[in-house]
Protein backbone atom coordinates (compact mmCIF):
# COMPACT_ATOMS: atom_id res chain seq x y z
CA MET A 1 -79.05 21.15 29.85
CA VAL A 2 -78.37 23.84 32.45
CA ASP A 3 -78.65 21.24 35.23
CA LYS A 4 -75.97 19.12 33.54
CA VAL A 5 -73.63 22.11 33.24
CA VAL A 6 -74.21 23.03 36.90
CA LYS A 7 -73.59 19.43 38.02
CA ALA A 8 -70.43 19.20 35.92
CA TYR A 9 -69.20 22.48 37.36
CA GLU A 10 -69.93 21.35 40.93
CA TRP A 11 -68.14 18.04 40.26
CA TRP A 12 -65.11 19.93 38.89
CA ILE A 13 -64.98 22.26 41.92
CA ALA A 14 -65.21 19.27 44.28
CA LYS A 15 -62.27 17.61 42.51
CA LEU A 16 -60.22 20.82 42.59
CA ALA A 17 -60.58 20.86 46.38
CA TYR A 18 -58.24 17.86 46.49
CA ALA A 19 -55.45 20.03 45.03
CA GLN A 20 -55.72 22.60 47.82
CA SER A 21 -53.54 20.82 50.40
CA PRO A 22 -50.70 19.96 47.98
CA VAL A 23 -50.71 23.54 46.64
CA LEU A 24 -50.68 24.95 50.18
CA LEU A 25 -47.75 22.64 50.98
CA ILE A 26 -45.78 23.94 48.00
CA ILE A 27 -46.53 27.56 48.94
CA ARG A 28 -45.54 26.95 52.57
CA LEU A 29 -42.31 25.23 51.58
CA LEU A 30 -41.25 27.90 49.07
CA VAL A 31 -42.16 30.85 51.29
CA GLY A 32 -40.94 29.20 54.49
CA VAL A 33 -37.55 28.24 53.07
CA GLY A 34 -37.19 31.72 51.55
CA PHE A 35 -37.96 33.40 54.86
CA ALA A 36 -35.62 31.08 56.77
CA GLN A 37 -32.79 31.74 54.32
CA ALA A 38 -33.31 35.51 54.53
CA GLY A 39 -33.36 35.42 58.32
CA TRP A 40 -30.30 33.19 58.53
CA GLY A 41 -28.49 35.41 56.03
CA LYS A 42 -29.06 38.43 58.24
CA LEU A 43 -28.11 36.66 61.47
CA SER A 44 -25.02 34.95 60.10
CA GLY A 45 -23.83 38.03 58.25
CA ASP A 46 -22.75 41.45 59.40
CA MET A 47 -25.63 42.67 61.60
CA ASP A 48 -23.99 46.08 61.85
CA GLN A 49 -24.35 46.39 58.07
CA VAL A 50 -28.00 45.27 58.22
CA ALA A 51 -28.67 47.74 61.06
CA GLY A 52 -26.95 50.47 59.05
CA TYR A 53 -29.19 49.72 56.09
CA PHE A 54 -32.25 49.82 58.35
CA ALA A 55 -31.05 53.17 59.75
CA SER A 56 -30.65 54.53 56.20
CA LEU A 57 -34.31 53.64 55.59
CA GLY A 58 -35.37 55.62 58.65
CA ILE A 59 -36.39 52.56 60.65
CA PRO A 60 -36.24 53.44 64.37
CA ALA A 61 -34.01 51.38 66.68
CA PRO A 62 -32.31 49.86 63.62
CA THR A 63 -30.19 47.29 65.46
CA LEU A 64 -33.12 46.00 67.48
CA ASN A 65 -35.36 45.93 64.42
CA ALA A 66 -32.69 44.19 62.34
CA TYR A 67 -32.49 41.40 64.91
CA MET A 68 -36.28 41.25 65.23
CA ALA A 69 -36.71 40.99 61.45
CA ALA A 70 -33.99 38.34 61.18
CA VAL A 71 -35.37 36.18 63.99
CA THR A 72 -38.94 36.61 62.72
CA GLU A 73 -37.90 35.49 59.25
CA LEU A 74 -35.77 32.57 60.45
CA VAL A 75 -38.14 31.17 63.07
CA GLY A 76 -41.27 32.04 61.08
CA GLY A 77 -39.83 30.36 57.99
CA ILE A 78 -38.98 27.16 59.86
CA VAL A 79 -42.40 27.10 61.52
CA LEU A 80 -44.10 27.61 58.14
CA VAL A 81 -42.14 24.72 56.62
CA LEU A 82 -43.29 22.48 59.48
CA GLY A 83 -46.83 23.83 59.29
CA ILE A 84 -47.37 24.33 63.00
CA ALA A 85 -49.30 27.37 64.29
CA SER A 86 -49.21 28.45 60.67
CA ARG A 87 -51.90 31.09 60.66
CA LEU A 88 -50.52 32.72 63.80
CA THR A 89 -46.98 32.60 62.41
CA THR A 90 -47.94 34.47 59.25
CA ILE A 91 -48.98 37.60 61.17
CA PRO A 92 -45.46 38.80 62.14
CA LEU A 93 -44.18 37.72 58.72
CA ILE A 94 -46.86 39.82 57.00
CA VAL A 95 -46.00 42.80 59.20
CA THR A 96 -42.32 42.37 58.33
CA MET A 97 -43.11 42.37 54.59
CA ILE A 98 -45.38 45.41 54.93
CA VAL A 99 -42.55 47.26 56.68
CA ALA A 100 -40.19 46.16 53.88
CA PHE A 101 -42.57 47.60 51.30
CA ALA A 102 -43.13 50.80 53.30
CA THR A 103 -39.39 51.42 53.67
CA ALA A 104 -37.06 49.67 51.22
CA HIS A 105 -39.61 49.34 48.41
CA ARG A 106 -41.55 52.57 48.89
CA GLU A 107 -41.33 53.65 45.23
CA ALA A 108 -42.75 50.34 44.01
CA LEU A 109 -45.53 50.54 46.57
CA GLY A 110 -46.38 54.01 45.26
CA SER A 111 -47.05 52.52 41.83
CA LEU A 112 -49.44 49.88 43.18
CA PHE A 113 -52.40 51.19 41.17
CA SER A 114 -50.61 52.80 38.24
CA ASP A 115 -48.24 49.89 37.51
CA PRO A 116 -49.06 46.80 39.63
CA GLY A 117 -46.37 44.78 37.86
CA THR A 118 -43.74 46.89 39.59
CA VAL A 119 -45.03 45.87 43.02
CA MET A 120 -45.28 42.22 42.01
CA GLY A 121 -41.65 42.26 40.86
CA GLU A 122 -40.32 43.34 44.25
CA ALA A 123 -38.71 40.77 46.56
CA PRO A 124 -41.23 41.08 49.42
CA PHE A 125 -44.25 40.45 47.18
CA PRO A 126 -44.18 36.62 46.91
CA PHE A 127 -43.46 36.36 50.63
CA LEU A 128 -46.34 38.69 51.49
CA LEU A 129 -48.69 36.91 49.09
CA GLY A 130 -47.71 33.43 50.30
CA SER A 131 -48.13 34.49 53.92
CA LEU A 132 -51.56 35.93 53.16
CA VAL A 133 -52.60 32.69 51.44
CA VAL A 134 -51.60 30.62 54.48
CA LEU A 135 -53.27 33.11 56.84
CA LEU A 136 -56.55 32.94 54.91
CA TRP A 137 -56.67 29.26 53.85
CA GLY A 138 -54.48 27.62 56.49
CA PRO A 139 -51.57 25.25 55.97
CA GLY A 140 -53.52 22.38 54.43
CA LEU A 141 -53.61 18.75 55.46
CA PHE A 142 -49.90 18.17 54.77
CA SER A 143 -48.73 20.06 57.85
CA LEU A 144 -48.41 19.46 61.55
CA ASP A 145 -51.52 21.61 62.01
CA GLY A 146 -53.39 19.45 59.51
CA LEU A 147 -52.11 16.24 61.09
CA ILE A 148 -53.31 17.39 64.51
CA ARG A 149 -56.75 18.29 63.12
CA PHE A 150 -56.98 15.00 61.23
CA THR A 151 -55.97 12.86 64.23
CA LYS A 152 -58.52 14.71 66.37
CA GLY A 153 -61.14 13.51 63.88
CA GLU A 154 -61.75 16.86 62.23
CA GLY A 155 -60.78 15.75 58.69
CA ASP A 156 -59.32 18.06 56.09
CA PRO A 157 -61.04 21.42 56.54
CA SER A 158 -60.12 22.43 52.99
CA LEU A 159 -62.30 19.61 51.67
CA GLY A 160 -65.16 20.25 54.07
CA GLU A 161 -64.58 16.81 55.58
CA ASP A 162 -65.54 15.78 59.06
CA ARG A 163 -64.54 12.42 60.38
């Protein structure tokens, strides 16, 4: 009986692996579009106002950092949507979201252990989480990274395939 349960469980896990690439695609699209919109909003808006906000948070070189954050979000978001150099791209995006938490969302970050729901309700959280997912599990097969791996005969790494 135990063997049947173990085999059924293993079968179920193997089937779930097929959902990994579509789920990673959805995460990349949602997070990537969100980042791109945020970056474009900063760049196409009043950068003096954004820099002033950064200065009010105590961020050094606020104008430079406002432009760096905006370009990182815009370019990083577009690159995530395409799924090229995805894991590398997530690193500056993660740093940007950590800085956002450490400055603009400091109070929520302080309640990380006492009231985790507060942290999860803050704007940077889904972007940070989505970026961490792509960093750790990659972009999936439905990406330019995945297409390159597949055409090189490496299969879908999320399924443990080799071609």
